[in-house]
Amino acid sequence: MIRVAALAVTAALLLASCAQQERAAQADPRTGASAERYDRDREICRGVADDYMRRRRNIDDSRREVNAGTYERYGQTTLPHQMANYGDSRSADKVIASCMESRGWPQPSKSWWEKIGS
């Protein structure tokens, strides 16, 4: 009697895990997706990020022009531009990742130590 019950529980667990894997495969938006679709979505998202960053850069540049003399007076002629370029590349990466995720391409999750500085 105990063997039959143990066998029944084992069979139920196996069936449940198979059903869960099948549901996960069906829920994956990339199932059946092609490389062309990914590339197309990536280019669309890159265009969205470029437009966003262009508008943001115009605002930041006009704001920076107000303090342009102050930077030169203290000898920091390239630092503001280097910092702006670094910030823009990180922001663009985040915009692209967000856009790709909204199009059904989930982004890999990062561990806590990889999120430091993000």
C-alpha atoms as a PDB file:
ATOM      1  CA  MET A   1       0.000   0.000   0.000  1.00  0.00           C
ATOM      2  CA  ILE A   2       2.834   2.417   0.908  1.00  0.00           C
ATOM      3  CA  ARG A   3       4.666   1.566  -2.324  1.00  0.00           C
ATOM      4  CA  VAL A   4       1.592   2.334  -4.402  1.00  0.00           C
ATOM      5  CA  ALA A   5       1.112   5.665  -2.641  1.00  0.00           C
ATOM      6  CA  ALA A   6       4.789   6.575  -3.087  1.00  0.00           C
ATOM      7  CA  LEU A   7       4.602   5.588  -6.760  1.00  0.00           C
ATOM      8  CA  ALA A   8       1.461   7.695  -7.228  1.00  0.00           C
ATOM      9  CA  VAL A   9       3.081  10.730  -5.587  1.00  0.00           C
ATOM     10  CA  THR A  10       6.214  10.335  -7.707  1.00  0.00           C
ATOM     11  CA  ALA A  11       4.160  10.060 -10.889  1.00  0.00           C
ATOM     12  CA  ALA A  12       2.134  13.138  -9.936  1.00  0.00           C
ATOM     13  CA  LEU A  13       5.312  15.144  -9.317  1.00  0.00           C
ATOM     14  CA  LEU A  14       6.788  14.085 -12.650  1.00  0.00           C
ATOM     15  CA  LEU A  15       3.621  15.029 -14.500  1.00  0.00           C
ATOM     16  CA  ALA A  16       3.454  18.378 -12.720  1.00  0.00           C
ATOM     17  CA  SER A  17       7.047  19.216 -13.585  1.00  0.00           C
ATOM     18  CA  CYS A  18       6.497  18.268 -17.236  1.00  0.00           C
ATOM     19  CA  ALA A  19       3.374  20.430 -17.383  1.00  0.00           C
ATOM     20  CA  GLN A  20       5.268  23.327 -15.772  1.00  0.00           C
ATOM     21  CA  GLN A  21       8.095  23.068 -18.320  1.00  0.00           C
ATOM     22  CA  GLU A  22       5.550  22.966 -21.146  1.00  0.00           C
ATOM     23  CA  ARG A  23       3.812  26.111 -19.823  1.00  0.00           C
ATOM     24  CA  ALA A  24       7.167  27.869 -19.483  1.00  0.00           C
ATOM     25  CA  ALA A  25       8.002  27.023 -23.089  1.00  0.00           C
ATOM     26  CA  GLN A  26       4.642  28.351 -24.255  1.00  0.00           C
ATOM     27  CA  ALA A  27       4.989  31.533 -22.188  1.00  0.00           C
ATOM     28  CA  ASP A  28       8.412  32.319 -23.638  1.00  0.00           C
ATOM     29  CA  PRO A  29       7.874  35.047 -26.245  1.00  0.00           C
ATOM     30  CA  ARG A  30      11.039  34.063 -28.057  1.00  0.00           C
ATOM     31  CA  THR A  31       9.711  30.608 -28.910  1.00  0.00           C
ATOM     32  CA  GLY A  32       9.631  30.411 -32.666  1.00  0.00           C
ATOM     33  CA  ALA A  33      11.172  33.873 -32.958  1.00  0.00           C
ATOM     34  CA  SER A  34      13.671  34.439 -35.680  1.00  0.00           C
ATOM     35  CA  ALA A  35      16.950  36.287 -35.735  1.00  0.00           C
ATOM     36  CA  GLU A  36      15.454  38.702 -38.268  1.00  0.00           C
ATOM     37  CA  ARG A  37      12.672  39.646 -35.832  1.00  0.00           C
ATOM     38  CA  TYR A  38      15.189  40.203 -33.041  1.00  0.00           C
ATOM     39  CA  ASP A  39      17.391  42.343 -35.283  1.00  0.00           C
ATOM     40  CA  ARG A  40      14.386  44.340 -36.483  1.00  0.00           C
ATOM     41  CA  ASP A  41      13.202  44.946 -32.907  1.00  0.00           C
ATOM     42  CA  ARG A  42      16.737  45.863 -31.844  1.00  0.00           C
ATOM     43  CA  GLU A  43      17.032  48.439 -34.642  1.00  0.00           C
ATOM     44  CA  ILE A  44      13.641  49.939 -33.759  1.00  0.00           C
ATOM     45  CA  CYS A  45      14.670  50.212 -30.121  1.00  0.00           C
ATOM     46  CA  ARG A  46      18.025  51.699 -31.091  1.00  0.00           C
ATOM     47  CA  GLY A  47      16.163  54.341 -33.118  1.00  0.00           C
ATOM     48  CA  VAL A  48      13.896  55.123 -30.167  1.00  0.00           C
ATOM     49  CA  ALA A  49      16.919  55.445 -27.895  1.00  0.00           C
ATOM     50  CA  ASP A  50      18.729  57.677 -30.410  1.00  0.00           C
ATOM     51  CA  ASP A  51      15.750  60.042 -30.618  1.00  0.00           C
ATOM     52  CA  TYR A  52      15.427  60.172 -26.837  1.00  0.00           C
ATOM     53  CA  MET A  53      19.133  60.766 -26.318  1.00  0.00           C
ATOM     54  CA  ARG A  54      19.243  63.456 -29.031  1.00  0.00           C
ATOM     55  CA  ARG A  55      16.477  65.433 -27.291  1.00  0.00           C
ATOM     56  CA  ARG A  56      18.085  64.920 -23.898  1.00  0.00           C
ATOM     57  CA  ARG A  57      21.518  65.934 -25.191  1.00  0.00           C
ATOM     58  CA  ASN A  58      20.088  69.171 -26.646  1.00  0.00           C
ATOM     59  CA  ILE A  59      18.650  70.074 -23.263  1.00  0.00           C
ATOM     60  CA  ASP A  60      21.830  69.139 -21.418  1.00  0.00           C
ATOM     61  CA  ASP A  61      24.045  71.037 -23.877  1.00  0.00           C
ATOM     62  CA  SER A  62      21.969  74.188 -23.583  1.00  0.00           C
ATOM     63  CA  ARG A  63      22.124  73.912 -19.798  1.00  0.00           C
ATOM     64  CA  ARG A  64      25.876  73.303 -19.921  1.00  0.00           C
ATOM     65  CA  GLU A  65      26.470  76.399 -22.076  1.00  0.00           C
ATOM     66  CA  VAL A  66      25.369  78.551 -19.174  1.00  0.00           C
ATOM     67  CA  ASN A  67      28.284  77.270 -17.070  1.00  0.00           C
ATOM     68  CA  ALA A  68      30.821  76.920 -19.893  1.00  0.00           C
ATOM     69  CA  GLY A  69      33.073  79.687 -18.600  1.00  0.00           C
ATOM     70  CA  THR A  70      33.164  78.182 -15.126  1.00  0.00           C
ATOM     71  CA  TYR A  71      34.558  74.870 -16.384  1.00  0.00           C
ATOM     72  CA  GLU A  72      37.326  76.551 -18.369  1.00  0.00           C
ATOM     73  CA  ARG A  73      38.230  78.780 -15.448  1.00  0.00           C
ATOM     74  CA  TYR A  74      38.899  75.728 -13.256  1.00  0.00           C
ATOM     75  CA  GLY A  75      40.717  73.765 -15.974  1.00  0.00           C
ATOM     76  CA  GLN A  76      38.004  71.146 -16.529  1.00  0.00           C
ATOM     77  CA  THR A  77      37.598  71.466 -20.282  1.00  0.00           C
ATOM     78  CA  THR A  78      37.102  67.793 -21.214  1.00  0.00           C
ATOM     79  CA  LEU A  79      35.708  66.345 -18.006  1.00  0.00           C
ATOM     80  CA  PRO A  80      32.083  67.483 -18.499  1.00  0.00           C
ATOM     81  CA  HIS A  81      32.002  66.044 -22.025  1.00  0.00           C
ATOM     82  CA  GLN A  82      33.513  62.743 -20.922  1.00  0.00           C
ATOM     83  CA  MET A  83      31.017  62.436 -18.101  1.00  0.00           C
ATOM     84  CA  ALA A  84      28.126  63.311 -20.424  1.00  0.00           C
ATOM     85  CA  ASN A  85      29.212  60.688 -22.965  1.00  0.00           C
ATOM     86  CA  TYR A  86      29.505  58.032 -20.266  1.00  0.00           C
ATOM     87  CA  GLY A  87      26.091  58.897 -18.836  1.00  0.00           C
ATOM     88  CA  ASP A  88      24.528  58.932 -22.309  1.00  0.00           C
ATOM     89  CA  SER A  89      25.852  55.478 -23.167  1.00  0.00           C
ATOM     90  CA  ARG A  90      24.493  54.027 -19.915  1.00  0.00           C
ATOM     91  CA  SER A  91      21.139  55.755 -20.366  1.00  0.00           C
ATOM     92  CA  ALA A  92      20.880  54.587 -23.972  1.00  0.00           C
ATOM     93  CA  ASP A  93      21.577  51.002 -22.889  1.00  0.00           C
ATOM     94  CA  LYS A  94      18.780  51.219 -20.318  1.00  0.00           C
ATOM     95  CA  VAL A  95      16.340  52.677 -22.858  1.00  0.00           C
ATOM     96  CA  ILE A  96      17.175  49.939 -25.371  1.00  0.00           C
ATOM     97  CA  ALA A  97      16.786  47.215 -22.718  1.00  0.00           C
ATOM     98  CA  SER A  98      13.438  48.638 -21.626  1.00  0.00           C
ATOM     99  CA  CYS A  99      12.210  48.841 -25.218  1.00  0.00           C
ATOM    100  CA  MET A 100      13.329  45.289 -25.990  1.00  0.00           C
ATOM    101  CA  GLU A 101      11.584  44.034 -22.871  1.00  0.00           C
ATOM    102  CA  SER A 102       8.369  45.787 -23.889  1.00  0.00           C
ATOM    103  CA  ARG A 103       8.624  44.050 -27.276  1.00  0.00           C
ATOM    104  CA  GLY A 104       8.766  40.632 -25.618  1.00  0.00           C
ATOM    105  CA  TRP A 105      12.507  40.070 -25.332  1.00  0.00           C
ATOM    106  CA  PRO A 106      13.134  39.587 -21.598  1.00  0.00           C
ATOM    107  CA  GLN A 107      16.432  40.899 -20.352  1.00  0.00           C
ATOM    108  CA  PRO A 108      18.673  38.658 -18.273  1.00  0.00           C
ATOM    109  CA  SER A 109      18.444  39.313 -14.570  1.00  0.00           C
ATOM    110  CA  LYS A 110      21.574  40.423 -12.782  1.00  0.00           C
ATOM    111  CA  SER A 111      22.873  39.346  -9.416  1.00  0.00           C
ATOM    112  CA  TRP A 112      23.081  41.963  -6.687  1.00  0.00           C
ATOM    113  CA  TRP A 113      26.818  42.479  -7.175  1.00  0.00           C
ATOM    114  CA  GLU A 114      26.305  43.136 -10.906  1.00  0.00           C
ATOM    115  CA  LYS A 115      23.683  45.789 -10.148  1.00  0.00           C
ATOM    116  CA  ILE A 116      26.129  47.881  -8.120  1.00  0.00           C
ATOM    117  CA  GLY A 117      26.911  50.948 -10.166  1.00  0.00           C
ATOM    118  CA  SER A 118      24.029  50.434 -12.585  1.00  0.00           C
END
